[in-house]
Every structure is written in structure tokens, then in C-alpha cells.
Amino acid sequence: MRPPSLRSLTIDNAVLHIYHIHDLSSIPDPLLLQLFLKTIEAGKLNEKVLSVFMNAGSESIIALIDSLQIPRNLFNPILPTRCKERQL
């Protein structure tokens, strides 16, 4: 049995810590695609992570998001409101 490659270990580690990654623009497209698919498999794709992938500038990621029909705005923002004014 062969040990896992350094590439697969790196991608698995990146998936574990995907919530702490803020920029993926320096990652080559083949690695970015593999990371995106592993993130989906792990169930860690949320709006913040999706925006990090979309901001990476990869046409293949955008095409994959469109082909999988993933909505770009998963949640509507909740704006803070006051129900009543404070009385001092």
C-alpha cells in the first residue's frame, strides 16, 4: 500500500481549515478544482467559502459553480433593527 501523496495531504489539510483561508488566487486551477470538489464532498461549502473560491479568478471554478447550479447568494443578509427605541 502506498502512502498518500504530499498533494493529497495538502488538499485534505486545506479542506479541514477552509474557513480560515481568505485568498486562493495564487493556487493553480487543477489544485483549485480539486480543493473545491473536496470542500463540497466534506460539506463545508457555505457563502463565505463560495465567495473565496469565486474571488480566486478562475474561469473553471465559475463554470463549475454555474454547471452545478449553486446559488451565489445562499443567504439573505440580516440587518440589525430595533423593535423599539430605548428609553433613558
C-alpha atoms as a PDB file:
ATOM      1  CA  MET A   1       0.000   0.000   0.000  1.00  0.00           C
ATOM      2  CA  ARG A   2       1.385   3.368  -0.998  1.00  0.00           C
ATOM      3  CA  PRO A   3       1.355   6.310   1.386  1.00  0.00           C
ATOM      4  CA  PRO A   4      -0.755   9.321   0.377  1.00  0.00           C
ATOM      5  CA  SER A   5       0.968  11.893  -1.790  1.00  0.00           C
ATOM      6  CA  LEU A   6       2.019  15.259  -0.458  1.00  0.00           C
ATOM      7  CA  ARG A   7      -0.519  16.862  -2.818  1.00  0.00           C
ATOM      8  CA  SER A   8      -3.460  14.876  -1.426  1.00  0.00           C
ATOM      9  CA  LEU A   9      -2.343  15.503   2.162  1.00  0.00           C
ATOM     10  CA  THR A  10      -2.104  19.235   1.455  1.00  0.00           C
ATOM     11  CA  ILE A  11      -5.561  19.378  -0.094  1.00  0.00           C
ATOM     12  CA  ASP A  12      -7.073  17.363   2.744  1.00  0.00           C
ATOM     13  CA  ASN A  13      -5.478  19.717   5.270  1.00  0.00           C
ATOM     14  CA  ALA A  14      -6.729  22.760   3.354  1.00  0.00           C
ATOM     15  CA  VAL A  15     -10.273  21.341   3.419  1.00  0.00           C
ATOM     16  CA  LEU A  16     -10.026  20.906   7.194  1.00  0.00           C
ATOM     17  CA  HIS A  17      -9.053  24.573   7.560  1.00  0.00           C
ATOM     18  CA  ILE A  18     -11.061  26.028   4.662  1.00  0.00           C
ATOM     19  CA  TYR A  19     -12.865  28.502   6.938  1.00  0.00           C
ATOM     20  CA  HIS A  20      -9.547  30.199   7.748  1.00  0.00           C
ATOM     21  CA  ILE A  21      -8.456  30.677   4.120  1.00  0.00           C
ATOM     22  CA  HIS A  22      -9.127  34.145   2.729  1.00  0.00           C
ATOM     23  CA  ASP A  23      -7.346  34.142  -0.645  1.00  0.00           C
ATOM     24  CA  LEU A  24      -6.968  31.368  -3.215  1.00  0.00           C
ATOM     25  CA  SER A  25      -5.825  33.478  -6.158  1.00  0.00           C
ATOM     26  CA  SER A  26      -2.281  32.051  -6.151  1.00  0.00           C
ATOM     27  CA  ILE A  27      -3.450  28.414  -6.382  1.00  0.00           C
ATOM     28  CA  PRO A  28      -3.202  26.789  -9.860  1.00  0.00           C
ATOM     29  CA  ASP A  29      -6.510  25.791 -11.471  1.00  0.00           C
ATOM     30  CA  PRO A  30      -6.110  21.978 -11.221  1.00  0.00           C
ATOM     31  CA  LEU A  31      -5.437  22.208  -7.475  1.00  0.00           C
ATOM     32  CA  LEU A  32      -8.209  24.757  -7.025  1.00  0.00           C
ATOM     33  CA  LEU A  33     -10.719  22.472  -8.738  1.00  0.00           C
ATOM     34  CA  GLN A  34      -9.671  19.534  -6.590  1.00  0.00           C
ATOM     35  CA  LEU A  35      -9.923  21.664  -3.447  1.00  0.00           C
ATOM     36  CA  PHE A  36     -13.377  22.922  -4.472  1.00  0.00           C
ATOM     37  CA  LEU A  37     -14.691  19.407  -5.111  1.00  0.00           C
ATOM     38  CA  LYS A  38     -13.244  18.087  -1.833  1.00  0.00           C
ATOM     39  CA  THR A  39     -14.802  21.047   0.003  1.00  0.00           C
ATOM     40  CA  ILE A  40     -18.205  20.134  -1.431  1.00  0.00           C
ATOM     41  CA  GLU A  41     -17.682  16.450  -0.531  1.00  0.00           C
ATOM     42  CA  ALA A  42     -16.822  17.432   3.044  1.00  0.00           C
ATOM     43  CA  GLY A  43     -19.989  19.549   3.301  1.00  0.00           C
ATOM     44  CA  LYS A  44     -18.048  22.708   4.115  1.00  0.00           C
ATOM     45  CA  LEU A  45     -19.274  24.944   1.304  1.00  0.00           C
ATOM     46  CA  ASN A  46     -21.068  27.997   2.669  1.00  0.00           C
ATOM     47  CA  GLU A  47     -21.485  31.531   1.369  1.00  0.00           C
ATOM     48  CA  LYS A  48     -18.144  32.774   2.715  1.00  0.00           C
ATOM     49  CA  VAL A  49     -16.182  29.824   1.317  1.00  0.00           C
ATOM     50  CA  LEU A  50     -18.007  30.116  -2.015  1.00  0.00           C
ATOM     51  CA  SER A  51     -17.066  33.785  -2.287  1.00  0.00           C
ATOM     52  CA  VAL A  52     -13.396  32.934  -1.593  1.00  0.00           C
ATOM     53  CA  PHE A  53     -13.457  30.438  -4.464  1.00  0.00           C
ATOM     54  CA  MET A  54     -15.247  32.892  -6.762  1.00  0.00           C
ATOM     55  CA  ASN A  55     -12.742  35.656  -5.938  1.00  0.00           C
ATOM     56  CA  ALA A  56      -9.856  33.370  -6.912  1.00  0.00           C
ATOM     57  CA  GLY A  57     -10.363  34.497 -10.514  1.00  0.00           C
ATOM     58  CA  SER A  58     -10.599  31.015 -12.013  1.00  0.00           C
ATOM     59  CA  GLU A  59     -12.900  30.656 -15.002  1.00  0.00           C
ATOM     60  CA  SER A  60     -13.093  26.896 -14.439  1.00  0.00           C
ATOM     61  CA  ILE A  61     -14.403  27.389 -10.887  1.00  0.00           C
ATOM     62  CA  ILE A  62     -17.051  29.854 -12.104  1.00  0.00           C
ATOM     63  CA  ALA A  63     -18.075  27.412 -14.846  1.00  0.00           C
ATOM     64  CA  LEU A  64     -18.274  24.574 -12.322  1.00  0.00           C
ATOM     65  CA  ILE A  65     -20.399  26.672  -9.948  1.00  0.00           C
ATOM     66  CA  ASP A  66     -22.739  27.501 -12.829  1.00  0.00           C
ATOM     67  CA  SER A  67     -22.920  23.885 -14.037  1.00  0.00           C
ATOM     68  CA  LEU A  68     -23.705  22.627 -10.528  1.00  0.00           C
ATOM     69  CA  GLN A  69     -26.343  25.374 -10.240  1.00  0.00           C
ATOM     70  CA  ILE A  70     -25.032  26.562  -6.891  1.00  0.00           C
ATOM     71  CA  PRO A  71     -26.796  29.797  -5.952  1.00  0.00           C
ATOM     72  CA  ARG A  72     -24.327  32.618  -5.470  1.00  0.00           C
ATOM     73  CA  ASN A  73     -26.314  34.206  -2.628  1.00  0.00           C
ATOM     74  CA  LEU A  74     -27.044  31.320  -0.314  1.00  0.00           C
ATOM     75  CA  PHE A  75     -28.408  33.516   2.435  1.00  0.00           C
ATOM     76  CA  ASN A  76     -30.008  36.916   2.536  1.00  0.00           C
ATOM     77  CA  PRO A  77     -28.184  39.298   4.845  1.00  0.00           C
ATOM     78  CA  ILE A  78     -29.895  40.057   8.125  1.00  0.00           C
ATOM     79  CA  LEU A  79     -29.781  43.718   9.030  1.00  0.00           C
ATOM     80  CA  PRO A  80     -29.932  44.693  12.691  1.00  0.00           C
ATOM     81  CA  THR A  81     -33.057  46.604  13.650  1.00  0.00           C
ATOM     82  CA  ARG A  82     -34.558  47.860  16.852  1.00  0.00           C
ATOM     83  CA  CYS A  83     -38.051  46.935  17.757  1.00  0.00           C
ATOM     84  CA  LYS A  84     -38.476  49.962  19.946  1.00  0.00           C
ATOM     85  CA  GLU A  85     -36.400  52.918  20.988  1.00  0.00           C
ATOM     86  CA  ARG A  86     -34.507  52.815  24.250  1.00  0.00           C
ATOM     87  CA  GLN A  87     -35.923  54.921  26.989  1.00  0.00           C
ATOM     88  CA  LEU A  88     -33.322  56.611  29.147  1.00  0.00           C
END
